[in-house]
Amino acid sequence: MGTSERKPKSVIWAYVYWLFGERDAHAFLTWSTLGGYGLGWLADITKIPRYVRDCNNDPRFLAELSERMRRNKKPPFSSSRFISAIMVSYLWGQLIMLAIPEDELGGINWNRIFHWFIPLAVGLGVWVVGNIGREKGKPWIAIAVSYLTYMSRWYFFDENVWLTLMVFSAALAFDTFSKSWRRTPNRKKSFVRRVTVLFLCAVLYCGLWSSYFYFNGKITDSNGDEIPVHEAIHHFFTSPWWTDLKQSLYDTYVYEIWKQIIDLSDPQGEQNSYKVLGVGPTSSQSEITAKWRALSREFHPDKVKDPDKQREAQERFMEIQQAYEILSNIKSKRRRKNTKSVREDEL
């Protein structure tokens, strides 16, 4: 289907979906940074109509874009995009730093391993912001500059200093050497692929925050002492209160539900045997025996003269014998059940 046949986008619906972002990368950045710390939401109020004209390939918009591309070999400097790249990359780098466990786990100092992912997160943050809309660029320059300036942490021991230096350097390098015009629109991706990518990004992002709260977060008890969250959680699940509650829940609900499932599945064939003989669970053994004898005489194969019905009678006769055998083998169980039922009726 050609571009002219595509259903045009609505500015009204664009404002309705404003919270989620109009493009995948934009959507992820919007909710993961709470709308660019609120500033992105304010900027989008005025920019959404332009986004819609871009998506609809509005002739006037395309003419203005072509003129800008003709005048500028590369996209001109945008203070709003540059600030966005700095904010996102700083957040991502800081998040990696926060998510690394402070203490050794399993005898391994994870800080020495995952600390090297901080410049990667910074470079990717700059690249994602730089690839929204009609601008694009490769991530390698931003990532390479991030790793080069990452070495400054051995000279500036304050993490805010070297992280800020790394973020500014990566954003400036991308804007200067990597940024270019996106002259052809991105190839349309399937809905499943888009949702999958966004879901994986969301899982990774939430996982980093969870790691921070679990390994490095602390809570304050009634005495004013700080306790690591992971220790508090461990102590909670090993506390007598939780173990007793868990066991009582298991005994009350899980066991009873499982017991009902087993009973309904009729593993011994007890329920089917009652149905075959036409008796009930409260029937006595003498009643079951009397019913069995009556049915055995009625469906005995020797009494059926018709050859076509003789096989059916034989199968029915065998079914009756099997049902009686099953109920006879579990008569002690039925006796206990009947006794319990009588006691409950008396109460």
Protein backbone atom coordinates (compact mmCIF):
# COMPACT_ATOMS: atom_id res chain seq x y z
CA MET A 1 0.00 0.00 0.00
CA GLY A 2 1.44 3.36 -0.96
CA THR A 3 2.01 6.29 1.32
CA SER A 4 -0.95 8.17 -0.13
CA GLU A 5 -3.29 5.29 0.74
CA ARG A 6 -2.23 5.09 4.36
CA LYS A 7 -4.77 6.37 6.85
CA PRO A 8 -3.55 9.76 8.14
CA LYS A 9 -2.77 10.18 11.82
CA SER A 10 -4.92 12.40 14.02
CA VAL A 11 -3.51 15.22 16.14
CA ILE A 12 -6.28 14.63 18.70
CA TRP A 13 -5.39 10.94 19.07
CA ALA A 14 -1.70 11.89 19.23
CA TYR A 15 -2.48 13.96 22.32
CA VAL A 16 -4.52 11.07 23.74
CA TYR A 17 -1.52 8.73 23.36
CA TRP A 18 0.84 11.49 24.47
CA LEU A 19 1.86 9.72 27.68
CA PHE A 20 3.12 6.68 25.77
CA GLY A 21 5.15 8.50 23.15
CA GLU A 22 4.59 8.48 19.40
CA ARG A 23 7.60 6.32 18.51
CA ASP A 24 9.01 3.21 20.18
CA ALA A 25 12.30 4.72 21.41
CA HIS A 26 10.49 7.91 22.32
CA ALA A 27 7.86 5.89 24.20
CA PHE A 28 10.47 4.03 26.24
CA LEU A 29 12.32 7.23 27.11
CA THR A 30 9.07 8.97 28.02
CA TRP A 31 7.89 6.49 30.65
CA SER A 32 11.37 5.49 31.92
CA THR A 33 12.32 9.13 32.64
CA LEU A 34 8.81 10.27 33.59
CA GLY A 35 8.56 12.43 30.52
CA GLY A 36 12.15 13.66 30.63
CA TYR A 37 11.74 14.71 34.28
CA GLY A 38 8.60 16.59 33.21
CA LEU A 39 10.43 18.84 30.74
CA GLY A 40 9.86 16.45 27.83
CA TRP A 41 6.12 16.47 28.44
CA LEU A 42 6.06 20.26 28.38
CA ALA A 43 8.06 20.33 25.14
CA ASP A 44 5.85 17.72 23.48
CA ILE A 45 2.75 19.85 23.99
CA THR A 46 3.96 22.14 21.22
CA LYS A 47 5.80 19.50 19.16
CA ILE A 48 3.05 16.89 18.76
CA PRO A 49 1.40 18.64 15.77
CA ARG A 50 4.78 18.62 14.00
CA TYR A 51 5.23 14.92 14.80
CA VAL A 52 1.84 14.19 13.24
CA ARG A 53 2.63 16.19 10.08
CA ASP A 54 5.90 14.27 9.82
CA CYS A 55 4.15 10.91 10.20
CA ASN A 56 1.50 11.89 7.61
CA ASN A 57 4.18 13.08 5.14
CA ASP A 58 2.49 16.46 5.00
CA PRO A 59 3.67 18.21 1.77
CA ARG A 60 4.34 21.50 3.54
CA PHE A 61 6.31 19.77 6.27
CA LEU A 62 8.35 17.78 3.73
CA ALA A 63 9.10 20.94 1.75
CA GLU A 64 10.37 22.69 4.88
CA LEU A 65 12.42 19.61 5.82
CA SER A 66 13.95 19.41 2.33
CA GLU A 67 14.92 23.06 2.55
CA ARG A 68 16.58 22.48 5.92
CA MET A 69 18.47 19.48 4.55
CA ARG A 70 19.58 21.54 1.54
CA ARG A 71 20.88 24.36 3.71
CA ASN A 72 22.56 22.06 6.27
CA LYS A 73 24.66 19.06 5.33
CA LYS A 74 23.99 17.66 8.80
CA PRO A 75 21.29 18.44 11.38
CA PRO A 76 22.04 21.71 13.17
CA PHE A 77 22.72 21.79 16.87
CA SER A 78 19.56 21.41 18.96
CA SER A 79 19.84 22.48 22.57
CA SER A 80 16.71 20.52 23.57
CA ARG A 81 17.98 17.29 21.98
CA PHE A 82 21.47 17.82 23.43
CA ILE A 83 20.07 18.37 26.94
CA SER A 84 17.83 15.29 26.52
CA ALA A 85 20.83 13.18 25.52
CA ILE A 86 22.73 14.39 28.60
CA MET A 87 19.82 13.70 30.95
CA VAL A 88 19.08 10.21 29.59
CA SER A 89 22.70 9.07 29.39
CA TYR A 90 23.43 10.40 32.89
CA LEU A 91 20.40 8.52 34.24
CA TRP A 92 21.40 5.27 32.54
CA GLY A 93 25.00 5.50 33.70
CA GLN A 94 23.91 6.36 37.24
CA LEU A 95 21.43 3.48 37.21
CA ILE A 96 24.13 0.94 36.31
CA MET A 97 26.25 2.34 39.11
CA LEU A 98 23.42 2.08 41.62
CA ALA A 99 22.43 -1.46 40.57
CA ILE A 100 25.88 -2.96 41.23
CA PRO A 101 25.91 -4.75 44.63
CA GLU A 102 28.13 -2.90 47.09
CA ASP A 103 29.12 -6.05 48.96
CA GLU A 104 30.66 -9.22 47.58
CA LEU A 105 28.20 -11.92 46.55
CA GLY A 106 29.35 -15.50 46.27
CA GLY A 107 32.91 -14.37 46.90
CA ILE A 108 32.84 -12.16 43.76
CA ASN A 109 33.34 -8.41 43.69
CA TRP A 110 30.68 -7.53 41.10
CA ASN A 111 31.69 -3.87 41.13
CA ARG A 112 34.92 -4.68 39.28
CA ILE A 113 32.98 -6.44 36.53
CA PHE A 114 29.84 -4.37 35.98
CA HIS A 115 31.44 -0.99 36.55
CA TRP A 116 32.75 -1.25 32.99
CA PHE A 117 29.17 -1.26 31.70
CA ILE A 118 28.64 2.34 32.85
CA PRO A 119 30.24 3.96 29.75
CA LEU A 120 28.33 1.53 27.52
CA ALA A 121 25.05 2.69 29.09
CA VAL A 122 26.07 6.34 28.67
CA GLY A 123 26.93 5.85 24.98
CA LEU A 124 23.70 4.00 24.29
CA GLY A 125 21.69 6.71 26.06
CA VAL A 126 23.19 9.38 23.81
CA TRP A 127 22.63 7.22 20.72
CA VAL A 128 18.96 6.44 21.48
CA VAL A 129 18.11 10.12 21.91
CA GLY A 130 20.10 11.00 18.79
CA ASN A 131 18.14 8.51 16.66
CA ILE A 132 14.65 9.84 17.31
CA GLY A 133 12.81 11.43 14.41
CA ARG A 134 14.58 12.65 11.26
CA GLU A 135 18.07 12.41 12.76
CA LYS A 136 20.28 9.37 13.12
CA GLY A 137 23.84 8.30 13.89
CA LYS A 138 26.03 5.35 14.75
CA PRO A 139 26.55 4.50 18.44
CA TRP A 140 30.25 3.61 18.19
CA ILE A 141 31.68 7.14 18.49
CA ALA A 142 29.59 7.92 21.57
CA ILE A 143 30.53 4.59 23.17
CA ALA A 144 34.25 4.98 22.33
CA VAL A 145 34.40 8.51 23.78
CA SER A 146 32.52 7.29 26.86
CA TYR A 147 35.17 4.65 27.52
CA LEU A 148 38.02 7.11 26.91
CA THR A 149 36.64 9.68 29.34
CA TYR A 150 35.73 6.87 31.76
CA MET A 151 39.45 6.63 32.53
CA SER A 152 39.21 10.03 34.20
CA ARG A 153 37.70 8.37 37.25
CA TRP A 154 41.25 7.54 38.35
CA TYR A 155 41.95 11.30 38.44
CA PHE A 156 38.59 12.59 39.68
CA PHE A 157 37.50 10.47 42.61
CA ASP A 158 34.13 12.20 42.84
CA GLU A 159 31.81 10.04 40.70
CA ASN A 160 29.62 13.04 39.84
CA VAL A 161 32.59 14.76 38.22
CA TRP A 162 33.83 11.96 35.98
CA LEU A 163 30.30 10.80 35.11
CA THR A 164 29.32 14.34 34.08
CA LEU A 165 32.50 14.66 32.02
CA MET A 166 31.79 11.34 30.32
CA VAL A 167 28.18 12.27 29.53
CA PHE A 168 29.04 15.68 28.05
CA SER A 169 31.92 14.26 26.01
CA ALA A 170 29.82 11.43 24.56
CA ALA A 171 26.92 13.75 23.69
CA LEU A 172 29.24 16.31 22.09
CA ALA A 173 31.13 13.65 20.11
CA PHE A 174 27.90 12.15 18.78
CA ASP A 175 26.53 15.58 17.84
CA THR A 176 29.78 16.58 16.12
CA PHE A 177 30.96 13.44 14.35
CA SER A 178 28.11 10.94 14.12
CA LYS A 179 24.87 12.84 13.60
CA SER A 180 23.30 12.91 10.13
CA TRP A 181 19.91 13.27 8.44
CA ARG A 182 17.51 10.34 8.21
CA ARG A 183 16.61 10.75 4.55
CA THR A 184 14.57 7.56 4.27
CA PRO A 185 11.98 6.53 6.87
CA ASN A 186 12.63 3.52 9.08
CA ARG A 187 11.35 0.23 7.77
CA LYS A 188 8.06 -0.59 9.44
CA LYS A 189 8.40 -3.34 12.06
CA SER A 190 5.78 -5.88 12.99
CA PHE A 191 3.67 -5.24 16.06
CA VAL A 192 5.00 -8.39 17.76
CA ARG A 193 8.61 -7.33 17.26
CA ARG A 194 7.96 -3.83 18.54
CA VAL A 195 6.19 -5.09 21.66
CA THR A 196 8.92 -7.69 22.27
CA VAL A 197 11.73 -5.13 22.09
CA LEU A 198 9.90 -2.69 24.34
CA PHE A 199 9.09 -5.47 26.80
CA LEU A 200 12.74 -6.61 27.00
CA CYS A 201 13.92 -3.03 27.48
CA ALA A 202 11.35 -2.55 30.23
CA VAL A 203 12.41 -5.79 31.94
CA LEU A 204 16.08 -4.75 31.85
CA TYR A 205 15.28 -1.26 33.12
CA CYS A 206 13.08 -2.51 35.96
CA GLY A 207 15.61 -5.23 36.75
CA LEU A 208 18.32 -2.61 37.32
CA TRP A 209 16.10 -0.67 39.70
CA SER A 210 15.17 -3.90 41.48
CA SER A 211 18.84 -4.78 41.87
CA TYR A 212 19.49 -1.39 43.43
CA PHE A 213 16.65 -1.67 45.94
CA TYR A 214 17.38 -5.31 46.80
CA PHE A 215 21.17 -5.26 47.16
CA ASN A 216 21.93 -1.65 48.11
CA GLY A 217 18.67 -0.37 49.57
CA LYS A 218 18.29 -0.01 53.32
CA ILE A 219 15.38 0.26 55.72
CA THR A 220 15.35 1.74 59.21
CA ASP A 221 13.93 -0.28 62.08
CA SER A 222 12.21 1.01 65.22
CA ASN A 223 15.59 1.44 66.93
CA GLY A 224 16.90 3.67 64.15
CA ASP A 225 19.32 1.06 62.82
CA GLU A 226 19.74 0.66 59.05
CA ILE A 227 19.27 -2.85 57.71
CA PRO A 228 20.01 -3.90 54.08
CA VAL A 229 16.82 -4.77 52.21
CA HIS A 230 18.07 -8.20 51.10
CA GLU A 231 18.86 -9.14 54.71
CA ALA A 232 15.46 -7.89 55.88
CA ILE A 233 13.73 -9.95 53.19
CA HIS A 234 15.76 -13.04 54.11
CA HIS A 235 14.93 -12.63 57.80
CA PHE A 236 11.26 -12.11 56.98
CA PHE A 237 10.98 -15.38 55.01
CA THR A 238 12.78 -17.29 57.78
CA SER A 239 10.81 -15.71 60.63
CA PRO A 240 8.49 -17.92 62.73
CA TRP A 241 5.53 -15.70 61.82
CA TRP A 242 5.98 -16.29 58.07
CA THR A 243 6.81 -20.00 58.32
CA ASP A 244 3.76 -20.62 60.53
CA LEU A 245 1.52 -18.58 58.22
CA LYS A 246 2.86 -20.38 55.15
CA GLN A 247 2.30 -23.78 56.72
CA SER A 248 -1.22 -22.88 57.85
CA LEU A 249 -2.08 -21.58 54.37
CA TYR A 250 -0.71 -24.76 52.86
CA ASP A 251 -2.64 -26.97 55.26
CA THR A 252 -5.83 -24.96 54.88
CA TYR A 253 -5.97 -24.23 51.17
CA VAL A 254 -3.28 -25.94 49.11
CA TYR A 255 -3.72 -29.36 50.70
CA GLU A 256 -7.51 -29.20 50.57
CA ILE A 257 -7.54 -28.01 46.95
CA TRP A 258 -5.09 -30.73 45.94
CA LYS A 259 -7.17 -33.29 47.82
CA GLN A 260 -10.30 -32.18 45.98
CA ILE A 261 -8.51 -32.39 42.64
CA ILE A 262 -7.41 -35.95 43.41
CA ASP A 263 -10.90 -36.92 44.53
CA LEU A 264 -12.51 -35.43 41.43
CA SER A 265 -10.06 -37.26 39.17
CA ASP A 266 -11.32 -40.55 40.72
CA PRO A 267 -7.95 -42.35 40.62
CA GLN A 268 -9.34 -45.57 42.13
CA GLY A 269 -12.47 -45.58 40.01
CA GLU A 270 -14.66 -45.34 43.11
CA GLN A 271 -17.09 -42.73 41.75
CA ASN A 272 -17.50 -44.56 38.46
CA SER A 273 -18.16 -47.82 40.34
CA TYR A 274 -21.02 -46.19 42.26
CA LYS A 275 -22.45 -45.04 38.94
CA VAL A 276 -22.14 -48.50 37.33
CA LEU A 277 -23.89 -50.29 40.22
CA GLY A 278 -26.41 -47.51 40.83
CA VAL A 279 -25.48 -47.04 44.49
CA GLY A 280 -24.11 -44.15 46.56
CA PRO A 281 -21.08 -43.53 48.80
CA THR A 282 -23.24 -44.04 51.90
CA SER A 283 -24.52 -47.46 50.78
CA SER A 284 -23.63 -50.39 53.03
CA GLN A 285 -21.67 -53.38 51.82
CA SER A 286 -24.77 -55.57 51.95
CA GLU A 287 -26.69 -53.11 49.76
CA ILE A 288 -23.84 -53.02 47.26
CA THR A 289 -23.65 -56.84 47.21
CA ALA A 290 -27.41 -57.14 46.64
CA LYS A 291 -27.26 -54.64 43.79
CA TRP A 292 -24.29 -56.43 42.25
CA ARG A 293 -26.07 -59.79 42.30
CA ALA A 294 -29.20 -58.32 40.71
CA LEU A 295 -27.24 -56.64 37.92
CA SER A 296 -25.08 -59.73 37.35
CA ARG A 297 -28.18 -61.85 36.78
CA GLU A 298 -29.73 -59.22 34.52
CA PHE A 299 -26.73 -58.75 32.28
CA HIS A 300 -25.26 -62.26 32.35
CA PRO A 301 -24.13 -63.08 28.78
CA ASP A 302 -25.75 -66.53 28.91
CA LYS A 303 -29.19 -64.91 29.16
CA VAL A 304 -28.77 -62.94 25.95
CA LYS A 305 -29.65 -64.95 22.85
CA ASP A 306 -29.16 -62.21 20.25
CA PRO A 307 -25.54 -62.52 18.93
CA ASP A 308 -25.41 -58.79 18.17
CA LYS A 309 -26.27 -57.86 21.80
CA GLN A 310 -24.27 -60.65 23.44
CA ARG A 311 -20.96 -58.77 23.13
CA GLU A 312 -22.50 -55.62 24.60
CA ALA A 313 -23.94 -57.63 27.50
CA GLN A 314 -20.56 -59.27 28.13
CA GLU A 315 -18.83 -55.88 28.33
CA ARG A 316 -21.54 -54.62 30.69
CA PHE A 317 -21.22 -57.77 32.83
CA MET A 318 -17.42 -57.30 33.10
CA GLU A 319 -17.92 -53.65 34.04
CA ILE A 320 -20.29 -54.68 36.84
CA GLN A 321 -17.82 -57.25 38.19
CA GLN A 322 -14.97 -54.73 38.14
CA ALA A 323 -17.05 -52.07 39.91
CA TYR A 324 -18.04 -54.52 42.66
CA GLU A 325 -14.42 -55.59 43.11
CA ILE A 326 -13.28 -51.97 43.48
CA LEU A 327 -15.95 -51.15 46.08
CA SER A 328 -15.27 -54.35 47.97
CA ASN A 329 -11.57 -53.55 48.20
CA ILE A 330 -12.24 -50.11 49.67
CA LYS A 331 -15.12 -51.05 51.95
CA SER A 332 -13.12 -50.09 55.06
CA LYS A 333 -12.60 -46.62 53.60
CA ARG A 334 -16.32 -46.28 52.86
CA ARG A 335 -17.15 -47.49 56.38
CA ARG A 336 -15.01 -44.69 57.88
CA LYS A 337 -16.60 -42.13 55.53
CA ASN A 338 -20.11 -43.26 56.48
CA THR A 339 -19.27 -43.13 60.20
CA LYS A 340 -17.89 -39.58 59.81
CA SER A 341 -21.02 -38.53 57.89
CA VAL A 342 -23.30 -39.91 60.64
CA ARG A 343 -21.35 -38.03 63.32
CA GLU A 344 -21.59 -34.78 61.37
CA ASP A 345 -25.36 -35.23 60.98
CA GLU A 346 -25.71 -35.81 64.72
CA LEU A 347 -23.80 -32.60 65.46
